[in-house]
């Protein structure tokens, strides 16, 4: 009886070894793991396995200007595309329709503008102006956000002597979506900071007078990092769309297996492949700041 038991243990152990050997053989013929893994079969850069992160980061200066939304001067940062195989630099959006820098010149107005299917998030990077919708007019200044619901007519004005500089993010709504019928106006400085996410992030969400209603499960947050600090390197799964736009300072960006500089006006999308870690590094002696967009399906 004891021999049978011993034989059973040996057979079980041998089976386990064979299973492990088969798995090892599969690893040899399968595509290599990304090169940032310590236990990867190859620890050199692998063009076939490592995402080309340069497709996922872009500055508005790389795009030609055009008019949009009633007369804003707009330049693309990130556009619709395929985040798994981007057809060109910055063409990585699935859930947002657009992510742009927009400008309204001094002493000018936009025309009345309305889109029945598009909702717009506007963040004021610099300058002053107004936005008017229905019978309401809102004074705009740096650090404010406005969400314009789908179907609402609105108009922007800049009576100041400096340009009004905005970040514009737009989402397309489905047929069954019911939007709000008023502007939502928010300020991040009115919220309490949430400290310590991913080691070093200091997050301040926007506090809105009326909570916006998005078609996708998404939101915007202003994130800061203190001097000479680093955020936790991590990856993102398929269901995520996450964008980081540099607002203040020039950071170092650990992205995939590259080290890049990120300047104000430049944004990156984290590849939703769980194969490209990202981490922002503040090498300066002052605080740096980003506009964060996140969507999780």
C-alpha atoms as a PDB file:
ATOM      1  CA  UNK A   1       0.000   0.000   0.000  1.00  0.00           C
ATOM      2  CA  UNK A   2       2.888   2.245   0.878  1.00  0.00           C
ATOM      3  CA  UNK A   3       4.531   1.543  -2.489  1.00  0.00           C
ATOM      4  CA  UNK A   4       1.324   2.418  -4.369  1.00  0.00           C
ATOM      5  CA  UNK A   5       1.097   5.682  -2.478  1.00  0.00           C
ATOM      6  CA  UNK A   6       4.730   6.495  -3.262  1.00  0.00           C
ATOM      7  CA  UNK A   7       4.184   5.649  -6.923  1.00  0.00           C
ATOM      8  CA  UNK A   8       1.168   7.955  -7.020  1.00  0.00           C
ATOM      9  CA  UNK A   9       3.249  10.794  -5.627  1.00  0.00           C
ATOM     10  CA  UNK A  10       5.986  10.187  -8.211  1.00  0.00           C
ATOM     11  CA  UNK A  11       3.458  10.108 -11.082  1.00  0.00           C
ATOM     12  CA  UNK A  12       1.872  13.343  -9.855  1.00  0.00           C
ATOM     13  CA  UNK A  13       5.275  15.007  -9.578  1.00  0.00           C
ATOM     14  CA  UNK A  14       6.283  13.809 -13.045  1.00  0.00           C
ATOM     15  CA  UNK A  15       3.023  15.116 -14.497  1.00  0.00           C
ATOM     16  CA  UNK A  16       3.689  18.509 -12.941  1.00  0.00           C
ATOM     17  CA  UNK A  17       7.192  18.568 -14.447  1.00  0.00           C
ATOM     18  CA  UNK A  18       5.808  17.693 -17.881  1.00  0.00           C
ATOM     19  CA  UNK A  19       3.205  20.435 -17.644  1.00  0.00           C
ATOM     20  CA  UNK A  20       5.888  22.978 -16.724  1.00  0.00           C
ATOM     21  CA  UNK A  21       8.097  21.749 -19.559  1.00  0.00           C
ATOM     22  CA  UNK A  22       5.242  22.130 -22.027  1.00  0.00           C
ATOM     23  CA  UNK A  23       4.580  25.648 -20.807  1.00  0.00           C
ATOM     24  CA  UNK A  24       8.288  26.493 -21.164  1.00  0.00           C
ATOM     25  CA  UNK A  25       8.227  25.164 -24.722  1.00  0.00           C
ATOM     26  CA  UNK A  26       5.196  27.316 -25.469  1.00  0.00           C
ATOM     27  CA  UNK A  27       7.057  30.360 -24.160  1.00  0.00           C
ATOM     28  CA  UNK A  28       9.907  29.687 -26.550  1.00  0.00           C
ATOM     29  CA  UNK A  29       7.680  29.705 -29.638  1.00  0.00           C
ATOM     30  CA  UNK A  30       5.312  32.453 -28.392  1.00  0.00           C
ATOM     31  CA  UNK A  31       6.056  36.154 -28.949  1.00  0.00           C
ATOM     32  CA  UNK A  32       8.549  37.435 -26.364  1.00  0.00           C
ATOM     33  CA  UNK A  33       7.363  39.283 -23.300  1.00  0.00           C
ATOM     34  CA  UNK A  34       8.001  43.041 -23.151  1.00  0.00           C
ATOM     35  CA  UNK A  35      11.639  43.744 -22.386  1.00  0.00           C
ATOM     36  CA  UNK A  36      10.985  45.607 -19.128  1.00  0.00           C
ATOM     37  CA  UNK A  37      10.213  42.338 -17.297  1.00  0.00           C
ATOM     38  CA  UNK A  38      13.182  41.042 -15.316  1.00  0.00           C
ATOM     39  CA  UNK A  39      12.258  37.437 -16.121  1.00  0.00           C
ATOM     40  CA  UNK A  40      11.588  38.076 -19.825  1.00  0.00           C
ATOM     41  CA  UNK A  41      13.245  35.545 -22.181  1.00  0.00           C
ATOM     42  CA  UNK A  42      14.995  38.488 -23.806  1.00  0.00           C
ATOM     43  CA  UNK A  43      16.083  41.592 -21.904  1.00  0.00           C
ATOM     44  CA  UNK A  44      16.836  43.687 -24.979  1.00  0.00           C
ATOM     45  CA  UNK A  45      14.315  45.939 -26.659  1.00  0.00           C
ATOM     46  CA  UNK A  46      11.869  43.904 -28.743  1.00  0.00           C
ATOM     47  CA  UNK A  47      10.239  45.912 -31.569  1.00  0.00           C
ATOM     48  CA  UNK A  48       7.624  43.190 -32.073  1.00  0.00           C
ATOM     49  CA  UNK A  49       6.619  43.055 -28.410  1.00  0.00           C
ATOM     50  CA  UNK A  50       7.368  46.493 -26.954  1.00  0.00           C
ATOM     51  CA  UNK A  51       4.795  49.134 -27.920  1.00  0.00           C
ATOM     52  CA  UNK A  52       6.321  52.056 -29.823  1.00  0.00           C
ATOM     53  CA  UNK A  53       5.393  54.643 -27.222  1.00  0.00           C
ATOM     54  CA  UNK A  54       6.286  57.535 -29.522  1.00  0.00           C
ATOM     55  CA  UNK A  55       2.930  56.914 -31.261  1.00  0.00           C
ATOM     56  CA  UNK A  56       1.128  57.599 -27.951  1.00  0.00           C
ATOM     57  CA  UNK A  57       2.540  61.036 -27.124  1.00  0.00           C
ATOM     58  CA  UNK A  58       2.059  64.241 -29.087  1.00  0.00           C
ATOM     59  CA  UNK A  59       2.303  68.024 -28.787  1.00  0.00           C
ATOM     60  CA  UNK A  60      -0.245  70.391 -30.329  1.00  0.00           C
ATOM     61  CA  UNK A  61       2.589  72.160 -32.161  1.00  0.00           C
ATOM     62  CA  UNK A  62       2.872  69.084 -34.423  1.00  0.00           C
ATOM     63  CA  UNK A  63      -0.618  69.650 -35.858  1.00  0.00           C
ATOM     64  CA  UNK A  64      -1.785  72.301 -38.363  1.00  0.00           C
ATOM     65  CA  UNK A  65      -4.334  74.864 -37.088  1.00  0.00           C
ATOM     66  CA  UNK A  66      -7.945  74.853 -38.227  1.00  0.00           C
ATOM     67  CA  UNK A  67     -11.184  76.481 -37.159  1.00  0.00           C
ATOM     68  CA  UNK A  68     -13.783  74.577 -35.178  1.00  0.00           C
ATOM     69  CA  UNK A  69     -16.624  74.947 -32.692  1.00  0.00           C
ATOM     70  CA  UNK A  70     -17.831  78.229 -34.108  1.00  0.00           C
ATOM     71  CA  UNK A  71     -14.463  79.862 -34.683  1.00  0.00           C
ATOM     72  CA  UNK A  72     -11.917  78.521 -32.180  1.00  0.00           C
ATOM     73  CA  UNK A  73      -8.408  78.047 -33.566  1.00  0.00           C
ATOM     74  CA  UNK A  74      -7.827  74.349 -32.853  1.00  0.00           C
ATOM     75  CA  UNK A  75      -4.825  72.030 -33.085  1.00  0.00           C
ATOM     76  CA  UNK A  76      -5.021  68.287 -32.436  1.00  0.00           C
ATOM     77  CA  UNK A  77      -3.039  66.639 -29.674  1.00  0.00           C
ATOM     78  CA  UNK A  78      -4.636  63.163 -29.770  1.00  0.00           C
ATOM     79  CA  UNK A  79      -7.196  61.929 -32.326  1.00  0.00           C
ATOM     80  CA  UNK A  80      -9.471  58.949 -32.998  1.00  0.00           C
ATOM     81  CA  UNK A  81      -7.587  55.824 -34.006  1.00  0.00           C
ATOM     82  CA  UNK A  82      -6.484  52.434 -32.725  1.00  0.00           C
ATOM     83  CA  UNK A  83      -4.668  52.329 -29.350  1.00  0.00           C
ATOM     84  CA  UNK A  84      -3.463  48.791 -30.082  1.00  0.00           C
ATOM     85  CA  UNK A  85      -1.956  49.587 -33.503  1.00  0.00           C
ATOM     86  CA  UNK A  86      -1.897  53.377 -33.992  1.00  0.00           C
ATOM     87  CA  UNK A  87      -2.009  54.276 -37.702  1.00  0.00           C
ATOM     88  CA  UNK A  88      -0.061  57.494 -37.040  1.00  0.00           C
ATOM     89  CA  UNK A  89       1.329  59.541 -34.179  1.00  0.00           C
ATOM     90  CA  UNK A  90      -1.398  60.506 -31.697  1.00  0.00           C
ATOM     91  CA  UNK A  91      -4.210  58.500 -33.384  1.00  0.00           C
ATOM     92  CA  UNK A  92      -5.062  56.468 -30.286  1.00  0.00           C
ATOM     93  CA  UNK A  93      -8.501  57.549 -28.974  1.00  0.00           C
ATOM     94  CA  UNK A  94     -11.422  55.131 -28.637  1.00  0.00           C
ATOM     95  CA  UNK A  95     -13.879  56.811 -26.249  1.00  0.00           C
ATOM     96  CA  UNK A  96     -13.067  60.470 -26.767  1.00  0.00           C
ATOM     97  CA  UNK A  97     -13.761  61.994 -30.151  1.00  0.00           C
ATOM     98  CA  UNK A  98     -11.047  64.662 -29.863  1.00  0.00           C
ATOM     99  CA  UNK A  99      -8.373  65.989 -27.507  1.00  0.00           C
ATOM    100  CA  UNK A 100      -7.103  69.404 -28.674  1.00  0.00           C
ATOM    101  CA  UNK A 101      -5.621  72.719 -27.785  1.00  0.00           C
ATOM    102  CA  UNK A 102      -7.967  75.595 -28.700  1.00  0.00           C
ATOM    103  CA  UNK A 103      -7.374  79.346 -28.788  1.00  0.00           C
ATOM    104  CA  UNK A 104      -9.603  82.397 -29.038  1.00  0.00           C
ATOM    105  CA  UNK A 105      -7.711  85.517 -30.070  1.00  0.00           C
ATOM    106  CA  UNK A 106      -8.030  88.808 -28.145  1.00  0.00           C
ATOM    107  CA  UNK A 107     -11.089  90.885 -28.969  1.00  0.00           C
ATOM    108  CA  UNK A 108     -12.880  88.091 -30.855  1.00  0.00           C
ATOM    109  CA  UNK A 109     -15.962  85.903 -30.425  1.00  0.00           C
ATOM    110  CA  UNK A 110     -17.062  82.542 -31.740  1.00  0.00           C
ATOM    111  CA  UNK A 111     -20.295  82.114 -33.608  1.00  0.00           C
ATOM    112  CA  UNK A 112     -23.203  80.417 -31.865  1.00  0.00           C
ATOM    113  CA  UNK A 113     -22.388  76.719 -32.039  1.00  0.00           C
ATOM    114  CA  UNK A 114     -24.369  73.551 -31.384  1.00  0.00           C
ATOM    115  CA  UNK A 115     -23.771  69.844 -31.943  1.00  0.00           C
ATOM    116  CA  UNK A 116     -26.656  67.461 -31.251  1.00  0.00           C
ATOM    117  CA  UNK A 117     -24.352  64.491 -30.553  1.00  0.00           C
ATOM    118  CA  UNK A 118     -21.143  66.003 -29.163  1.00  0.00           C
ATOM    119  CA  UNK A 119     -20.370  66.988 -25.583  1.00  0.00           C
ATOM    120  CA  UNK A 120     -17.389  69.231 -24.897  1.00  0.00           C
ATOM    121  CA  UNK A 121     -15.125  69.595 -21.861  1.00  0.00           C
ATOM    122  CA  UNK A 122     -13.186  72.890 -21.819  1.00  0.00           C
ATOM    123  CA  UNK A 123     -10.292  73.594 -19.462  1.00  0.00           C
ATOM    124  CA  UNK A 124      -8.890  77.133 -19.260  1.00  0.00           C
ATOM    125  CA  UNK A 125      -5.092  76.978 -19.444  1.00  0.00           C
ATOM    126  CA  UNK A 126      -4.546  80.746 -19.605  1.00  0.00           C
ATOM    127  CA  UNK A 127      -6.326  84.009 -20.324  1.00  0.00           C
ATOM    128  CA  UNK A 128      -9.816  85.267 -19.557  1.00  0.00           C
ATOM    129  CA  UNK A 129     -13.122  85.266 -21.397  1.00  0.00           C
ATOM    130  CA  UNK A 130     -16.766  84.260 -21.203  1.00  0.00           C
ATOM    131  CA  UNK A 131     -18.996  81.426 -22.326  1.00  0.00           C
ATOM    132  CA  UNK A 132     -22.727  81.995 -22.827  1.00  0.00           C
ATOM    133  CA  UNK A 133     -25.475  79.376 -23.183  1.00  0.00           C
ATOM    134  CA  UNK A 134     -29.221  79.862 -22.883  1.00  0.00           C
ATOM    135  CA  UNK A 135     -29.573  82.947 -20.686  1.00  0.00           C
ATOM    136  CA  UNK A 136     -26.412  82.288 -18.649  1.00  0.00           C
ATOM    137  CA  UNK A 137     -22.982  83.897 -19.086  1.00  0.00           C
ATOM    138  CA  UNK A 138     -19.959  82.511 -17.200  1.00  0.00           C
ATOM    139  CA  UNK A 139     -16.699  84.396 -16.616  1.00  0.00           C
ATOM    140  CA  UNK A 140     -13.714  82.189 -17.482  1.00  0.00           C
ATOM    141  CA  UNK A 141     -10.268  82.233 -15.885  1.00  0.00           C
ATOM    142  CA  UNK A 142      -7.270  79.919 -15.550  1.00  0.00           C
ATOM    143  CA  UNK A 143      -8.016  76.648 -13.760  1.00  0.00           C
ATOM    144  CA  UNK A 144     -11.731  76.548 -14.560  1.00  0.00           C
ATOM    145  CA  UNK A 145     -13.554  73.794 -16.457  1.00  0.00           C
ATOM    146  CA  UNK A 146     -16.850  73.927 -18.332  1.00  0.00           C
ATOM    147  CA  UNK A 147     -18.800  70.953 -19.679  1.00  0.00           C
ATOM    148  CA  UNK A 148     -21.126  71.788 -22.584  1.00  0.00           C
ATOM    149  CA  UNK A 149     -23.896  69.159 -22.951  1.00  0.00           C
ATOM    150  CA  UNK A 150     -24.828  67.716 -26.321  1.00  0.00           C
ATOM    151  CA  UNK A 151     -27.429  69.815 -28.112  1.00  0.00           C
ATOM    152  CA  UNK A 152     -26.787  73.033 -26.169  1.00  0.00           C
ATOM    153  CA  UNK A 153     -26.000  76.191 -28.182  1.00  0.00           C
ATOM    154  CA  UNK A 154     -23.069  78.215 -26.807  1.00  0.00           C
ATOM    155  CA  UNK A 155     -20.750  81.062 -27.679  1.00  0.00           C
ATOM    156  CA  UNK A 156     -17.287  82.065 -26.422  1.00  0.00           C
ATOM    157  CA  UNK A 157     -15.925  85.616 -26.169  1.00  0.00           C
ATOM    158  CA  UNK A 158     -12.500  87.053 -25.407  1.00  0.00           C
ATOM    159  CA  UNK A 159     -12.633  90.764 -24.564  1.00  0.00           C
ATOM    160  CA  UNK A 160      -9.135  90.675 -23.014  1.00  0.00           C
ATOM    161  CA  UNK A 161      -5.776  91.649 -24.545  1.00  0.00           C
ATOM    162  CA  UNK A 162      -4.314  88.138 -24.183  1.00  0.00           C
ATOM    163  CA  UNK A 163      -5.389  84.955 -26.002  1.00  0.00           C
ATOM    164  CA  UNK A 164      -7.815  82.624 -24.270  1.00  0.00           C
ATOM    165  CA  UNK A 165      -6.079  79.218 -24.302  1.00  0.00           C
ATOM    166  CA  UNK A 166      -8.165  76.092 -23.753  1.00  0.00           C
ATOM    167  CA  UNK A 167      -7.915  72.323 -23.733  1.00  0.00           C
ATOM    168  CA  UNK A 168     -10.897  70.842 -25.564  1.00  0.00           C
ATOM    169  CA  UNK A 169     -11.978  67.222 -25.104  1.00  0.00           C
ATOM    170  CA  UNK A 170     -15.082  65.966 -26.911  1.00  0.00           C
ATOM    171  CA  UNK A 171     -17.134  62.783 -26.683  1.00  0.00           C
ATOM    172  CA  UNK A 172     -19.801  61.557 -29.076  1.00  0.00           C
ATOM    173  CA  UNK A 173     -23.035  60.506 -27.377  1.00  0.00           C
ATOM    174  CA  UNK A 174     -25.213  57.505 -28.359  1.00  0.00           C
ATOM    175  CA  UNK A 175     -28.803  57.823 -29.563  1.00  0.00           C
ATOM    176  CA  UNK A 176     -30.324  56.846 -26.206  1.00  0.00           C
ATOM    177  CA  UNK A 177     -28.244  59.271 -24.116  1.00  0.00           C
ATOM    178  CA  UNK A 178     -30.108  62.051 -22.300  1.00  0.00           C
ATOM    179  CA  UNK A 179     -27.807  65.086 -21.777  1.00  0.00           C
ATOM    180  CA  UNK A 180     -28.183  67.880 -19.283  1.00  0.00           C
ATOM    181  CA  UNK A 181     -29.674  71.133 -20.553  1.00  0.00           C
ATOM    182  CA  UNK A 182     -27.289  73.554 -18.789  1.00  0.00           C
ATOM    183  CA  UNK A 183     -23.553  74.222 -18.550  1.00  0.00           C
ATOM    184  CA  UNK A 184     -21.611  72.557 -15.740  1.00  0.00           C
ATOM    185  CA  UNK A 185     -18.928  74.896 -14.360  1.00  0.00           C
ATOM    186  CA  UNK A 186     -16.120  73.520 -12.186  1.00  0.00           C
ATOM    187  CA  UNK A 187     -13.004  74.652 -10.319  1.00  0.00           C
ATOM    188  CA  UNK A 188     -10.299  72.297  -9.106  1.00  0.00           C
ATOM    189  CA  UNK A 189      -9.003  74.772  -6.514  1.00  0.00           C
ATOM    190  CA  UNK A 190     -12.308  74.410  -4.631  1.00  0.00           C
ATOM    191  CA  UNK A 191     -11.687  70.700  -3.905  1.00  0.00           C
ATOM    192  CA  UNK A 192      -9.562  69.108  -1.216  1.00  0.00           C
ATOM    193  CA  UNK A 193      -6.371  67.441  -2.479  1.00  0.00           C
ATOM    194  CA  UNK A 194      -6.197  63.644  -2.434  1.00  0.00           C
ATOM    195  CA  UNK A 195      -2.591  62.752  -1.625  1.00  0.00           C
ATOM    196  CA  UNK A 196      -0.563  59.613  -2.240  1.00  0.00           C
ATOM    197  CA  UNK A 197      -2.124  57.824  -5.228  1.00  0.00           C
ATOM    198  CA  UNK A 198       0.619  56.027  -7.202  1.00  0.00           C
ATOM    199  CA  UNK A 199       3.078  57.168  -4.502  1.00  0.00           C
ATOM    200  CA  UNK A 200       3.319  60.838  -5.419  1.00  0.00           C
ATOM    201  CA  UNK A 201       0.160  62.177  -7.082  1.00  0.00           C
ATOM    202  CA  UNK A 202      -1.692  65.068  -5.475  1.00  0.00           C
ATOM    203  CA  UNK A 203      -5.120  64.923  -7.119  1.00  0.00           C
ATOM    204  CA  UNK A 204      -7.729  67.681  -7.120  1.00  0.00           C
ATOM    205  CA  UNK A 205     -11.006  66.876  -8.906  1.00  0.00           C
ATOM    206  CA  UNK A 206     -13.230  69.617 -10.271  1.00  0.00           C
ATOM    207  CA  UNK A 207     -16.107  70.728  -8.061  1.00  0.00           C
ATOM    208  CA  UNK A 208     -19.009  71.579 -10.382  1.00  0.00           C
ATOM    209  CA  UNK A 209     -22.009  73.759  -9.684  1.00  0.00           C
ATOM    210  CA  UNK A 210     -24.041  71.097 -11.516  1.00  0.00           C
ATOM    211  CA  UNK A 211     -22.489  67.640 -11.837  1.00  0.00           C
ATOM    212  CA  UNK A 212     -21.916  66.889 -15.555  1.00  0.00           C
ATOM    213  CA  UNK A 213     -23.492  63.868 -17.216  1.00  0.00           C
ATOM    214  CA  UNK A 214     -21.041  62.023 -19.450  1.00  0.00           C
ATOM    215  CA  UNK A 215     -22.019  59.281 -21.891  1.00  0.00           C
ATOM    216  CA  UNK A 216     -18.895  57.292 -20.925  1.00  0.00           C
ATOM    217  CA  UNK A 217     -17.718  56.520 -17.359  1.00  0.00           C
ATOM    218  CA  UNK A 218     -15.069  59.237 -17.328  1.00  0.00           C
ATOM    219  CA  UNK A 219     -13.754  62.284 -15.524  1.00  0.00           C
ATOM    220  CA  UNK A 220     -11.056  64.975 -15.366  1.00  0.00           C
ATOM    221  CA  UNK A 221      -8.682  65.798 -12.503  1.00  0.00           C
ATOM    222  CA  UNK A 222      -5.779  68.213 -12.019  1.00  0.00           C
ATOM    223  CA  UNK A 223      -2.775  66.304 -10.637  1.00  0.00           C
ATOM    224  CA  UNK A 224       0.374  67.778  -9.097  1.00  0.00           C
ATOM    225  CA  UNK A 225       3.698  66.298  -7.991  1.00  0.00           C
ATOM    226  CA  UNK A 226       6.098  67.853  -5.540  1.00  0.00           C
ATOM    227  CA  UNK A 227       9.718  68.651  -6.328  1.00  0.00           C
ATOM    228  CA  UNK A 228      12.071  65.766  -7.070  1.00  0.00           C
ATOM    229  CA  UNK A 229       9.455  63.028  -6.757  1.00  0.00           C
ATOM    230  CA  UNK A 230       8.451  60.017  -8.838  1.00  0.00           C
ATOM    231  CA  UNK A 231       5.129  58.276  -9.429  1.00  0.00           C
ATOM    232  CA  UNK A 232       4.669  54.521  -9.263  1.00  0.00           C
ATOM    233  CA  UNK A 233       5.395  52.839 -12.632  1.00  0.00           C
ATOM    234  CA  UNK A 234       2.341  50.813 -13.675  1.00  0.00           C
ATOM    235  CA  UNK A 235       0.456  49.510 -16.713  1.00  0.00           C
ATOM    236  CA  UNK A 236      -3.183  49.736 -17.821  1.00  0.00           C
ATOM    237  CA  UNK A 237      -5.681  47.096 -19.027  1.00  0.00           C
ATOM    238  CA  UNK A 238      -7.751  46.964 -22.216  1.00  0.00           C
ATOM    239  CA  UNK A 239     -10.798  48.716 -20.751  1.00  0.00           C
ATOM    240  CA  UNK A 240      -8.901  51.910 -19.889  1.00  0.00           C
ATOM    241  CA  UNK A 241      -8.411  55.201 -21.714  1.00  0.00           C
ATOM    242  CA  UNK A 242      -6.097  57.492 -19.748  1.00  0.00           C
ATOM    243  CA  UNK A 243      -4.508  60.765 -20.873  1.00  0.00           C
ATOM    244  CA  UNK A 244      -1.940  62.965 -19.111  1.00  0.00           C
ATOM    245  CA  UNK A 245      -1.458  66.517 -20.408  1.00  0.00           C
ATOM    246  CA  UNK A 246       1.444  68.503 -18.958  1.00  0.00           C
ATOM    247  CA  UNK A 247       0.220  71.853 -17.624  1.00  0.00           C
ATOM    248  CA  UNK A 248       3.202  73.211 -15.685  1.00  0.00           C
ATOM    249  CA  UNK A 249       6.885  72.277 -15.701  1.00  0.00           C
ATOM    250  CA  UNK A 250       8.865  69.916 -17.923  1.00  0.00           C
ATOM    251  CA  UNK A 251       8.855  66.398 -16.521  1.00  0.00           C
ATOM    252  CA  UNK A 252      10.721  63.205 -17.277  1.00  0.00           C
ATOM    253  CA  UNK A 253       8.427  60.421 -18.450  1.00  0.00           C
ATOM    254  CA  UNK A 254       9.330  56.759 -17.993  1.00  0.00           C
ATOM    255  CA  UNK A 255       7.181  55.304 -20.776  1.00  0.00           C
ATOM    256  CA  UNK A 256       7.437  51.697 -21.945  1.00  0.00           C
ATOM    257  CA  UNK A 257      11.210  51.246 -22.021  1.00  0.00           C
ATOM    258  CA  UNK A 258      11.962  54.866 -22.951  1.00  0.00           C
ATOM    259  CA  UNK A 259      12.797  57.981 -20.975  1.00  0.00           C
ATOM    260  CA  UNK A 260      11.211  61.079 -22.521  1.00  0.00           C
ATOM    261  CA  UNK A 261      10.782  64.743 -21.698  1.00  0.00           C
ATOM    262  CA  UNK A 262       7.188  65.971 -21.465  1.00  0.00           C
ATOM    263  CA  UNK A 263       6.591  69.688 -22.009  1.00  0.00           C
ATOM    264  CA  UNK A 264       3.553  71.873 -21.300  1.00  0.00           C
ATOM    265  CA  UNK A 265       0.951  71.343 -24.035  1.00  0.00           C
ATOM    266  CA  UNK A 266       2.090  67.768 -24.658  1.00  0.00           C
ATOM    267  CA  UNK A 267      -0.105  64.769 -23.796  1.00  0.00           C
ATOM    268  CA  UNK A 268       0.273  61.007 -23.779  1.00  0.00           C
ATOM    269  CA  UNK A 269      -2.211  58.152 -23.698  1.00  0.00           C
ATOM    270  CA  UNK A 270      -1.249  55.040 -21.754  1.00  0.00           C
ATOM    271  CA  UNK A 271      -1.385  52.024 -24.127  1.00  0.00           C
ATOM    272  CA  UNK A 272      -4.283  49.819 -22.891  1.00  0.00           C
ATOM    273  CA  UNK A 273      -2.246  46.635 -23.338  1.00  0.00           C
ATOM    274  CA  UNK A 274      -0.790  45.994 -19.851  1.00  0.00           C
ATOM    275  CA  UNK A 275       2.568  45.950 -21.644  1.00  0.00           C
ATOM    276  CA  UNK A 276       3.841  49.534 -21.326  1.00  0.00           C
ATOM    277  CA  UNK A 277       4.423  51.016 -17.864  1.00  0.00           C
ATOM    278  CA  UNK A 278       4.306  54.755 -17.322  1.00  0.00           C
ATOM    279  CA  UNK A 279       5.644  56.954 -14.553  1.00  0.00           C
ATOM    280  CA  UNK A 280       6.057  60.722 -14.367  1.00  0.00           C
ATOM    281  CA  UNK A 281       9.195  62.072 -12.704  1.00  0.00           C
ATOM    282  CA  UNK A 282       9.604  65.619 -11.417  1.00  0.00           C
ATOM    283  CA  UNK A 283      13.352  66.400 -11.583  1.00  0.00           C
ATOM    284  CA  UNK A 284      12.861  70.089 -10.753  1.00  0.00           C
ATOM    285  CA  UNK A 285      12.876  72.045  -7.501  1.00  0.00           C
ATOM    286  CA  UNK A 286       9.256  73.177  -7.943  1.00  0.00           C
ATOM    287  CA  UNK A 287       5.831  71.569  -8.175  1.00  0.00           C
ATOM    288  CA  UNK A 288       4.646  70.295 -11.571  1.00  0.00           C
ATOM    289  CA  UNK A 289       1.087  69.832 -12.813  1.00  0.00           C
ATOM    290  CA  UNK A 290      -0.950  67.737 -15.268  1.00  0.00           C
ATOM    291  CA  UNK A 291      -4.531  67.568 -16.508  1.00  0.00           C
ATOM    292  CA  UNK A 292      -5.630  63.948 -16.150  1.00  0.00           C
ATOM    293  CA  UNK A 293      -8.442  62.321 -18.127  1.00  0.00           C
ATOM    294  CA  UNK A 294      -9.617  58.809 -17.244  1.00  0.00           C
ATOM    295  CA  UNK A 295     -12.265  56.500 -18.685  1.00  0.00           C
ATOM    296  CA  UNK A 296     -12.853  52.901 -17.524  1.00  0.00           C
ATOM    297  CA  UNK A 297     -15.345  50.708 -19.335  1.00  0.00           C
END
